[in-house]
Structures are given as C-alpha cells and as structure tokens.
C-alpha atoms as a PDB file:
ATOM      1  CA  MET A   1     -30.319  47.545  33.837  1.00  0.00           C
ATOM      2  CA  PRO A   2     -29.111  44.893  31.361  1.00  0.00           C
ATOM      3  CA  ASP A   3     -25.735  44.703  29.820  1.00  0.00           C
ATOM      4  CA  ASP A   4     -25.272  45.724  26.140  1.00  0.00           C
ATOM      5  CA  PHE A   5     -27.570  43.909  23.707  1.00  0.00           C
ATOM      6  CA  GLN A   6     -24.877  41.671  22.254  1.00  0.00           C
ATOM      7  CA  THR A   7     -23.901  40.142  25.558  1.00  0.00           C
ATOM      8  CA  MET A   8     -27.365  39.270  26.560  1.00  0.00           C
ATOM      9  CA  PHE A   9     -27.308  36.232  24.291  1.00  0.00           C
ATOM     10  CA  ILE A  10     -25.377  33.119  24.975  1.00  0.00           C
ATOM     11  CA  THR A  11     -24.228  30.645  22.300  1.00  0.00           C
ATOM     12  CA  ALA A  12     -22.855  27.172  22.718  1.00  0.00           C
ATOM     13  CA  GLU A  13     -19.325  28.463  22.174  1.00  0.00           C
ATOM     14  CA  ASP A  14     -19.543  31.110  24.857  1.00  0.00           C
ATOM     15  CA  LYS A  15     -18.104  30.732  28.475  1.00  0.00           C
ATOM     16  CA  PRO A  16     -20.679  32.640  30.478  1.00  0.00           C
ATOM     17  CA  ALA A  17     -19.922  34.472  33.789  1.00  0.00           C
ATOM     18  CA  LEU A  18     -22.289  36.249  36.033  1.00  0.00           C
ATOM     19  CA  VAL A  19     -21.000  39.104  38.162  1.00  0.00           C
ATOM     20  CA  ALA A  20     -23.084  40.745  41.239  1.00  0.00           C
ATOM     21  CA  CYS A  21     -21.216  43.430  42.807  1.00  0.00           C
ATOM     22  CA  SER A  22     -22.328  46.638  44.275  1.00  0.00           C
ATOM     23  CA  ASN A  23     -18.860  48.088  44.558  1.00  0.00           C
ATOM     24  CA  PRO A  24     -18.072  49.819  41.504  1.00  0.00           C
ATOM     25  CA  ALA A  25     -14.345  49.151  41.575  1.00  0.00           C
ATOM     26  CA  TRP A  26     -14.790  45.447  42.200  1.00  0.00           C
ATOM     27  CA  LEU A  27     -17.689  45.388  39.463  1.00  0.00           C
ATOM     28  CA  ASP A  28     -15.071  46.872  36.788  1.00  0.00           C
ATOM     29  CA  ALA A  29     -12.263  44.680  37.986  1.00  0.00           C
ATOM     30  CA  ALA A  30     -14.537  41.414  37.795  1.00  0.00           C
ATOM     31  CA  LYS A  31     -15.766  42.330  34.452  1.00  0.00           C
ATOM     32  CA  ARG A  32     -12.186  43.219  33.053  1.00  0.00           C
ATOM     33  CA  ALA A  33     -10.690  39.945  34.471  1.00  0.00           C
ATOM     34  CA  LEU A  34     -13.428  37.864  33.087  1.00  0.00           C
ATOM     35  CA  ARG A  35     -13.269  39.408  29.681  1.00  0.00           C
ATOM     36  CA  GLU A  36      -9.480  38.838  29.526  1.00  0.00           C
ATOM     37  CA  LEU A  37      -9.990  35.243  30.324  1.00  0.00           C
ATOM     38  CA  GLY A  38     -12.556  34.948  27.547  1.00  0.00           C
ATOM     39  CA  TYR A  39     -15.811  35.053  29.364  1.00  0.00           C
ATOM     40  CA  LYS A  40     -18.943  36.574  28.163  1.00  0.00           C
ATOM     41  CA  THR A  41     -20.017  38.524  31.323  1.00  0.00           C
ATOM     42  CA  HIS A  42     -23.407  39.496  32.501  1.00  0.00           C
ATOM     43  CA  ALA A  43     -23.292  42.102  35.356  1.00  0.00           C
ATOM     44  CA  VAL A  44     -26.784  42.484  37.411  1.00  0.00           C
ATOM     45  CA  GLU A  45     -27.829  45.120  39.523  1.00  0.00           C
ATOM     46  CA  SER A  46     -30.588  43.538  41.606  1.00  0.00           C
ATOM     47  CA  HIS A  47     -31.303  40.312  43.395  1.00  0.00           C
ATOM     48  CA  ALA A  48     -34.353  39.739  40.920  1.00  0.00           C
ATOM     49  CA  ASP A  49     -31.869  40.052  37.939  1.00  0.00           C
ATOM     50  CA  PHE A  50     -29.327  37.725  39.591  1.00  0.00           C
ATOM     51  CA  ILE A  51     -32.114  35.073  40.332  1.00  0.00           C
ATOM     52  CA  ALA A  52     -33.493  35.220  36.834  1.00  0.00           C
ATOM     53  CA  ARG A  53     -30.237  35.034  35.007  1.00  0.00           C
ATOM     54  CA  PHE A  54     -28.827  32.309  37.319  1.00  0.00           C
ATOM     55  CA  SER A  55     -31.868  30.022  37.007  1.00  0.00           C
ATOM     56  CA  ARG A  56     -31.934  30.459  33.220  1.00  0.00           C
ATOM     57  CA  ILE A  57     -28.379  30.164  32.083  1.00  0.00           C
ATOM     58  CA  ARG A  58     -25.529  27.699  33.019  1.00  0.00           C
ATOM     59  CA  TYR A  59     -22.851  30.149  34.167  1.00  0.00           C
ATOM     60  CA  GLU A  60     -19.284  28.850  34.491  1.00  0.00           C
ATOM     61  CA  VAL A  61     -18.193  31.423  36.942  1.00  0.00           C
ATOM     62  CA  VAL A  62     -20.111  33.495  39.331  1.00  0.00           C
ATOM     63  CA  ILE A  63     -18.740  36.415  41.251  1.00  0.00           C
ATOM     64  CA  ILE A  64     -20.608  37.928  43.818  1.00  0.00           C
ATOM     65  CA  ASP A  65     -19.822  40.780  46.380  1.00  0.00           C
ATOM     66  CA  GLU A  66     -20.504  39.886  50.003  1.00  0.00           C
ATOM     67  CA  LEU A  67     -22.450  43.087  50.359  1.00  0.00           C
ATOM     68  CA  PHE A  68     -24.361  42.736  46.831  1.00  0.00           C
ATOM     69  CA  THR A  69     -27.421  45.037  47.269  1.00  0.00           C
ATOM     70  CA  ALA A  70     -27.047  44.786  51.156  1.00  0.00           C
ATOM     71  CA  LYS A  71     -25.587  46.851  53.908  1.00  0.00           C
ATOM     72  CA  LYS A  72     -24.714  43.632  56.028  1.00  0.00           C
ATOM     73  CA  PRO A  73     -23.859  40.106  54.487  1.00  0.00           C
ATOM     74  CA  GLU A  74     -26.869  38.685  56.274  1.00  0.00           C
ATOM     75  CA  GLU A  75     -28.911  40.735  54.017  1.00  0.00           C
ATOM     76  CA  ASN A  76     -27.563  39.566  50.724  1.00  0.00           C
ATOM     77  CA  LEU A  77     -30.508  37.763  49.229  1.00  0.00           C
ATOM     78  CA  SER A  78     -28.626  36.465  46.141  1.00  0.00           C
ATOM     79  CA  LEU A  79     -25.948  35.065  48.198  1.00  0.00           C
ATOM     80  CA  HIS A  80     -28.492  33.157  50.450  1.00  0.00           C
ATOM     81  CA  THR A  81     -30.387  31.971  47.266  1.00  0.00           C
ATOM     82  CA  LEU A  82     -27.244  30.707  45.834  1.00  0.00           C
ATOM     83  CA  GLN A  83     -26.031  28.922  49.128  1.00  0.00           C
ATOM     84  CA  ASN A  84     -29.629  27.317  49.355  1.00  0.00           C
ATOM     85  CA  THR A  85     -29.606  26.058  45.810  1.00  0.00           C
ATOM     86  CA  ALA A  86     -29.201  22.502  45.443  1.00  0.00           C
ATOM     87  CA  VAL A  87     -25.403  21.400  44.790  1.00  0.00           C
ATOM     88  CA  SER A  88     -26.555  19.730  41.615  1.00  0.00           C
ATOM     89  CA  GLN A  89     -27.895  22.960  40.373  1.00  0.00           C
ATOM     90  CA  ARG A  90     -24.735  24.941  40.981  1.00  0.00           C
ATOM     91  CA  ARG A  91     -22.046  22.415  40.550  1.00  0.00           C
ATOM     92  CA  HIS A  92     -21.408  23.749  37.059  1.00  0.00           C
ATOM     93  CA  ALA A  93     -20.352  27.264  38.256  1.00  0.00           C
ATOM     94  CA  VAL A  94     -17.150  28.189  40.228  1.00  0.00           C
ATOM     95  CA  THR A  95     -18.328  30.631  42.685  1.00  0.00           C
ATOM     96  CA  ILE A  96     -16.242  33.647  44.013  1.00  0.00           C
ATOM     97  CA  LEU A  97     -17.154  35.629  46.896  1.00  0.00           C
ATOM     98  CA  LEU A  98     -15.473  38.920  47.444  1.00  0.00           C
ATOM     99  CA  GLY A  99     -15.202  40.783  50.727  1.00  0.00           C
ATOM    100  CA  ASP A 100     -13.248  42.848  53.103  1.00  0.00           C
ATOM    101  CA  GLY A 101     -13.193  40.413  55.959  1.00  0.00           C
ATOM    102  CA  PHE A 102     -11.875  37.325  54.137  1.00  0.00           C
ATOM    103  CA  LYS A 103      -8.517  35.877  53.976  1.00  0.00           C
ATOM    104  CA  THR A 104      -8.153  35.083  49.979  1.00  0.00           C
ATOM    105  CA  PHE A 105      -8.531  31.444  49.265  1.00  0.00           C
ATOM    106  CA  ASP A 106      -9.209  30.408  52.979  1.00  0.00           C
ATOM    107  CA  ALA A 107     -10.892  27.123  52.529  1.00  0.00           C
ATOM    108  CA  MET A 108     -12.739  27.167  55.789  1.00  0.00           C
ATOM    109  CA  GLN A 109     -14.342  30.550  54.887  1.00  0.00           C
ATOM    110  CA  ALA A 110     -15.212  29.568  51.560  1.00  0.00           C
ATOM    111  CA  PHE A 111     -16.884  26.293  52.927  1.00  0.00           C
ATOM    112  CA  GLN A 112     -18.970  28.330  55.741  1.00  0.00           C
ATOM    113  CA  ASN A 113     -20.167  30.520  52.719  1.00  0.00           C
ATOM    114  CA  SER A 114     -20.890  27.615  50.492  1.00  0.00           C
ATOM    115  CA  VAL A 115     -18.658  28.943  47.662  1.00  0.00           C
ATOM    116  CA  HIS A 116     -15.561  27.720  46.119  1.00  0.00           C
ATOM    117  CA  VAL A 117     -13.236  30.657  46.881  1.00  0.00           C
ATOM    118  CA  VAL A 118     -13.235  33.754  48.956  1.00  0.00           C
ATOM    119  CA  ILE A 119     -11.171  36.786  47.949  1.00  0.00           C
ATOM    120  CA  ASN A 120     -10.250  39.714  50.117  1.00  0.00           C
ATOM    121  CA  GLY A 121     -11.187  43.207  48.467  1.00  0.00           C
ATOM    122  CA  SER A 122      -7.599  44.413  49.008  1.00  0.00           C
ATOM    123  CA  GLU A 123      -6.396  41.807  46.331  1.00  0.00           C
ATOM    124  CA  ILE A 124      -9.090  42.893  43.588  1.00  0.00           C
ATOM    125  CA  SER A 125      -6.020  44.041  41.281  1.00  0.00           C
ATOM    126  CA  MET A 126      -5.032  40.139  41.122  1.00  0.00           C
ATOM    127  CA  LEU A 127      -8.681  39.021  40.404  1.00  0.00           C
ATOM    128  CA  LYS A 128      -7.646  37.650  36.762  1.00  0.00           C
ATOM    129  CA  HIS A 129      -4.811  35.442  38.356  1.00  0.00           C
ATOM    130  CA  LEU A 130      -6.807  34.517  41.483  1.00  0.00           C
ATOM    131  CA  THR A 131      -9.820  33.384  39.053  1.00  0.00           C
ATOM    132  CA  GLU A 132      -7.509  31.391  36.883  1.00  0.00           C
ATOM    133  CA  LYS A 133      -6.357  29.572  40.107  1.00  0.00           C
ATOM    134  CA  ALA A 134      -9.906  29.005  41.278  1.00  0.00           C
ATOM    135  CA  LEU A 135     -10.778  27.463  37.965  1.00  0.00           C
ATOM    136  CA  ALA A 136      -7.595  25.348  37.721  1.00  0.00           C
ATOM    137  CA  ASP A 137      -8.307  24.069  41.267  1.00  0.00           C
ATOM    138  CA  ASN A 138     -11.861  23.322  40.525  1.00  0.00           C
ATOM    139  CA  ASP A 139     -11.108  21.571  37.213  1.00  0.00           C
ATOM    140  CA  LEU A 140      -8.285  19.282  39.217  1.00  0.00           C
ATOM    141  CA  PHE A 141     -10.902  18.564  41.832  1.00  0.00           C
ATOM    142  CA  LEU A 142     -13.663  17.414  39.578  1.00  0.00           C
ATOM    143  CA  HIS A 143     -11.448  15.879  36.888  1.00  0.00           C
ATOM    144  CA  ASN A 144     -12.301  12.206  38.136  1.00  0.00           C
ATOM    145  CA  TYR A 145     -15.943  12.991  38.929  1.00  0.00           C
ATOM    146  CA  ARG A 146     -16.281  14.305  35.196  1.00  0.00           C
ATOM    147  CA  GLU A 147     -14.479  11.298  33.771  1.00  0.00           C
ATOM    148  CA  VAL A 148     -16.799   8.802  35.278  1.00  0.00           C
ATOM    149  CA  GLN A 149     -19.830  10.924  34.469  1.00  0.00           C
ATOM    150  CA  ASN A 150     -18.738  10.772  30.661  1.00  0.00           C
ATOM    151  CA  HIS A 151     -17.987   7.142  30.882  1.00  0.00           C
ATOM    152  CA  ILE A 152     -21.475   6.295  32.418  1.00  0.00           C
ATOM    153  CA  ALA A 153     -23.174   8.532  29.705  1.00  0.00           C
ATOM    154  CA  LYS A 154     -21.372   6.341  27.004  1.00  0.00           C
ATOM    155  CA  LEU A 155     -22.751   3.201  28.259  1.00  0.00           C
END
C-alpha cells in the first residue's frame, strides 16, 4: 500500500529515503528518525514495491529489515536484489540493515551483507543518531571521490 499521496512525489529539493521493515516498531522508528533528519520517506510493504521504487528513484538512504517479508534472512529478496545490484547503481544510497543478530556498526558484518552499516534492533531507539553517524561516515569516505568526479565533470 503506497504512502500518502503527498510523499509519493519527489522534487529536486527533496532528500528521498526508502524504508523496508516488516517489524512495525522498527518501521515507525525509521520513519520518525528520517523525518526528523529532513528526509521524504517512502515505506514499502512488498519486494515488488521495493524494487519498483529503488529502480526509479535515487534514494539517499535505504533502511531495510533483515527479515523484510521473510522468515529467514536468506529469504529476503529485497536485500538479495540490493546486494546483487551493481555498486555504480547503489553508490548514491547509504544502506542501513537492521537485525537482532548484528553488532551495531560492525564493519565486517556490514561488508558481508553489502551494506554501509548494520544496526542491532535493540538500539532502534537511537536510530536517528546512528543514521546521522552513518551519513557523516559515508560523506567523509566519499569526499575525495566526489571532488575528483566534480573536477572531471568541469573539464
């Protein structure tokens, strides 16, 4: 089911974010955190909706539940699709994976899951601050890359 009519459209000034959570508490926390950070949030309820939106809109943040529409992580088709998408197509989005089996900000777990950051579900109350940290870390990491890209574009 789509979000309210107003959030369906993205303008050039918007900061779009995509949320795919089956856990209602995590969904509410993600939407609230992103709204407080100034993002226009699209929440999806199915794999088909996730893929349709992710392929059409250049999201800045993606928050996905490890068990989104699945009973086991291996069954999460949205996460698998995201993991198998070319880096050049997903580089623009900071991807945050939520799950009970993760150690928050564990770099190896994030790398194994092809995401930027993993966050343990027990720390969902701190999601706004953890998302801010993930965004800042990503900006710092990609700063030189973006400068070179902008310089080349001007040539």
